[in-house]
């Protein structure tokens, strides 16, 4: 995927359609300033905007290859457009993540994109590792990289809520002790 060509097209159309979105995953981590390679785009989107998203993606010849209540995946015929995955926000917790999303300048400050805050990315990474144990090593590494990078500015109460939600309190206390030196 050519991110510099694809993102401005898709995001401008999302904005015109008033799609509530935020980047998540590898691209979002990179936009926050942490070097991370990725091959696709991942977004958290308001589930009420799925029809709008479908309209936008059809303009660029994307086809939906997988869709459930929680997620959808689109692949374009042209390799330049690649693959885009969506996590559907419909619960209060995920909708509030979208409200906390921040505008981040990317591509040498030539374009801005909404990105989840680091705490919410940690929450989604935690959810991913709980839902699929084969992802634990990769997701745990991403969580620790984010905590190390943002340690002084993280909202630890929000992170604690995520770890409590997924019954990982002991892991939270270990990580807080390791990365929260702002006490």
Protein backbone atom coordinates (compact mmCIF):
# COMPACT_ATOMS: atom_id res chain seq x y z
CA UNK A 1 0.00 0.00 0.00
CA UNK A 2 1.20 3.49 -0.80
CA UNK A 3 0.13 5.28 2.38
CA UNK A 4 1.02 8.77 1.12
CA UNK A 5 -1.24 8.38 -1.90
CA UNK A 6 -4.07 6.37 -0.37
CA UNK A 7 -4.60 8.04 3.01
CA UNK A 8 -5.29 11.57 1.74
CA UNK A 9 -7.90 10.22 -0.69
CA UNK A 10 -9.68 8.02 1.84
CA UNK A 11 -9.48 10.45 4.77
CA UNK A 12 -10.69 13.44 2.75
CA UNK A 13 -13.70 11.39 1.66
CA UNK A 14 -14.28 10.21 5.24
CA UNK A 15 -14.26 13.85 6.33
CA UNK A 16 -16.71 14.86 3.57
CA UNK A 17 -19.03 12.01 4.61
CA UNK A 18 -18.62 12.89 8.33
CA UNK A 19 -17.24 9.44 9.15
CA UNK A 20 -16.14 9.15 12.77
CA UNK A 21 -12.82 7.34 12.60
CA UNK A 22 -9.39 7.04 14.17
CA UNK A 23 -6.31 5.16 13.02
CA UNK A 24 -5.25 2.23 15.17
CA UNK A 25 -2.57 -0.42 14.77
CA UNK A 26 0.86 -0.08 13.23
CA UNK A 27 0.24 3.10 11.25
CA UNK A 28 -1.20 4.84 14.31
CA UNK A 29 1.81 3.84 16.41
CA UNK A 30 4.08 5.26 13.71
CA UNK A 31 2.04 8.48 13.55
CA UNK A 32 2.53 8.85 17.31
CA UNK A 33 6.29 8.85 16.73
CA UNK A 34 7.27 5.23 17.35
CA UNK A 35 9.01 3.54 14.44
CA UNK A 36 6.87 0.58 13.38
CA UNK A 37 6.43 -1.11 10.02
CA UNK A 38 3.01 -2.03 8.72
CA UNK A 39 1.51 -3.21 5.48
CA UNK A 40 -2.13 -2.17 5.90
CA UNK A 41 -4.37 0.38 7.54
CA UNK A 42 -6.48 -0.25 10.60
CA UNK A 43 -9.25 2.02 11.83
CA UNK A 44 -11.71 2.21 14.68
CA UNK A 45 -14.93 3.58 13.18
CA UNK A 46 -18.36 4.38 14.53
CA UNK A 47 -20.59 1.45 13.56
CA UNK A 48 -23.31 3.91 12.52
CA UNK A 49 -21.00 5.09 9.72
CA UNK A 50 -20.48 1.72 8.03
CA UNK A 51 -22.69 2.58 5.03
CA UNK A 52 -20.73 5.80 4.48
CA UNK A 53 -17.44 3.89 4.68
CA UNK A 54 -18.71 1.35 2.14
CA UNK A 55 -19.60 4.19 -0.27
CA UNK A 56 -16.16 5.78 0.10
CA UNK A 57 -14.30 2.53 -0.39
CA UNK A 58 -16.33 1.55 -3.46
CA UNK A 59 -15.06 4.73 -5.14
CA UNK A 60 -11.56 3.23 -4.96
CA UNK A 61 -12.58 -0.31 -5.99
CA UNK A 62 -12.35 -1.88 -2.55
CA UNK A 63 -14.35 -5.04 -1.94
CA UNK A 64 -15.53 -6.23 1.43
CA UNK A 65 -13.97 -9.66 2.00
CA UNK A 66 -15.06 -10.13 5.62
CA UNK A 67 -17.67 -8.53 7.84
CA UNK A 68 -19.15 -9.24 11.26
CA UNK A 69 -20.84 -7.06 13.85
CA UNK A 70 -17.40 -6.22 15.26
CA UNK A 71 -15.02 -5.97 12.30
CA UNK A 72 -14.80 -5.63 8.55
CA UNK A 73 -11.98 -6.01 6.04
CA UNK A 74 -11.68 -4.45 2.60
CA UNK A 75 -9.20 -5.24 -0.14
CA UNK A 76 -8.65 -3.21 -3.31
CA UNK A 77 -8.06 -4.63 -6.77
CA UNK A 78 -5.09 -2.30 -7.22
CA UNK A 79 -2.11 -3.11 -4.98
CA UNK A 80 -1.43 0.58 -4.40
CA UNK A 81 -4.66 0.71 -2.33
CA UNK A 82 -3.96 -2.46 -0.37
CA UNK A 83 -6.03 -3.66 2.56
CA UNK A 84 -7.99 -1.73 5.18
CA UNK A 85 -9.36 -3.28 8.37
CA UNK A 86 -12.08 -1.72 10.50
CA UNK A 87 -13.00 -2.30 14.11
CA UNK A 88 -16.62 -1.20 14.64
CA UNK A 89 -17.29 1.04 17.65
CA UNK A 90 -20.78 0.58 19.05
CA UNK A 91 -20.22 0.08 22.76
CA UNK A 92 -19.83 3.12 25.02
CA UNK A 93 -16.18 2.29 25.70
CA UNK A 94 -15.14 2.18 22.05
CA UNK A 95 -17.27 5.18 21.08
CA UNK A 96 -15.52 7.18 23.83
CA UNK A 97 -12.19 6.15 22.32
CA UNK A 98 -13.22 7.87 19.10
CA UNK A 99 -14.10 11.02 21.02
CA UNK A 100 -10.59 11.11 22.54
CA UNK A 101 -8.85 10.67 19.18
CA UNK A 102 -6.33 13.35 18.31
CA UNK A 103 -5.28 14.95 15.03
CA UNK A 104 -1.70 14.04 14.15
CA UNK A 105 0.36 15.49 11.31
CA UNK A 106 1.94 12.85 9.06
CA UNK A 107 3.99 12.76 5.87
CA UNK A 108 6.34 15.59 6.88
CA UNK A 109 3.43 17.62 8.28
CA UNK A 110 1.62 17.74 4.93
CA UNK A 111 -1.49 15.90 6.09
CA UNK A 112 -3.36 15.23 9.33
CA UNK A 113 -5.17 12.11 10.44
CA UNK A 114 -7.15 11.23 13.55
CA UNK A 115 -5.33 8.71 15.74
CA UNK A 116 -6.40 7.06 18.98
CA UNK A 117 -4.56 8.27 22.05
CA UNK A 118 -1.78 5.96 23.30
CA UNK A 119 -3.87 4.72 26.24
CA UNK A 120 -6.69 3.61 23.93
CA UNK A 121 -4.26 1.89 21.56
CA UNK A 122 -2.95 0.03 24.60
CA UNK A 123 -6.53 -0.95 25.45
CA UNK A 124 -7.14 -2.35 21.96
CA UNK A 125 -3.80 -4.18 21.97
CA UNK A 126 -4.73 -5.70 25.31
CA UNK A 127 -8.08 -6.80 23.89
CA UNK A 128 -6.33 -8.35 20.86
CA UNK A 129 -3.96 -10.41 23.00
CA UNK A 130 -6.79 -11.59 25.26
CA UNK A 131 -8.95 -12.57 22.26
CA UNK A 132 -6.15 -14.41 20.42
CA UNK A 133 -3.34 -15.95 22.47
CA UNK A 134 -1.18 -16.33 19.34
CA UNK A 135 -0.88 -12.51 19.27
CA UNK A 136 0.24 -12.17 22.89
CA UNK A 137 3.97 -11.72 22.23
CA UNK A 138 3.53 -9.09 19.51
CA UNK A 139 0.76 -7.15 21.28
CA UNK A 140 2.59 -7.22 24.63
CA UNK A 141 5.71 -5.88 22.94
CA UNK A 142 3.70 -3.04 21.36
CA UNK A 143 2.10 -2.20 24.72
CA UNK A 144 5.50 -1.97 26.40
CA UNK A 145 6.97 0.11 23.57
CA UNK A 146 4.07 2.59 23.85
CA UNK A 147 4.40 2.71 27.66
CA UNK A 148 8.13 3.31 27.44
CA UNK A 149 7.77 6.04 24.80
CA UNK A 150 4.94 7.92 26.55
CA UNK A 151 5.67 6.97 30.18
CA UNK A 152 5.64 10.53 31.54
CA UNK A 153 2.40 11.57 29.87
CA UNK A 154 0.23 8.45 30.07
CA UNK A 155 -3.09 8.53 31.91
CA UNK A 156 -2.48 5.48 34.08
CA UNK A 157 -6.04 5.43 35.49
CA UNK A 158 -7.44 4.81 32.00
CA UNK A 159 -4.87 2.10 31.33
CA UNK A 160 -5.73 0.50 34.65
CA UNK A 161 -9.41 0.37 33.63
CA UNK A 162 -8.48 -1.61 30.52
CA UNK A 163 -6.35 -4.08 32.45
CA UNK A 164 -9.12 -4.53 35.03
CA UNK A 165 -11.70 -5.03 32.27
CA UNK A 166 -9.64 -7.90 30.86
CA UNK A 167 -8.77 -9.28 34.31
CA UNK A 168 -5.07 -8.49 33.98
CA UNK A 169 -4.55 -6.45 37.18
CA UNK A 170 -1.28 -8.15 38.14
CA UNK A 171 0.18 -7.40 34.72
CA UNK A 172 -0.97 -3.78 35.05
CA UNK A 173 0.83 -3.36 38.38
CA UNK A 174 4.00 -4.88 36.95
CA UNK A 175 3.95 -2.54 33.96
CA UNK A 176 3.02 0.52 36.01
CA UNK A 177 5.95 -0.13 38.33
CA UNK A 178 8.27 -0.53 35.35
CA UNK A 179 7.11 2.46 33.28
CA UNK A 180 5.36 4.98 35.54
CA UNK A 181 8.18 7.00 37.08
CA UNK A 182 6.14 10.22 37.31
CA UNK A 183 4.89 9.52 40.84
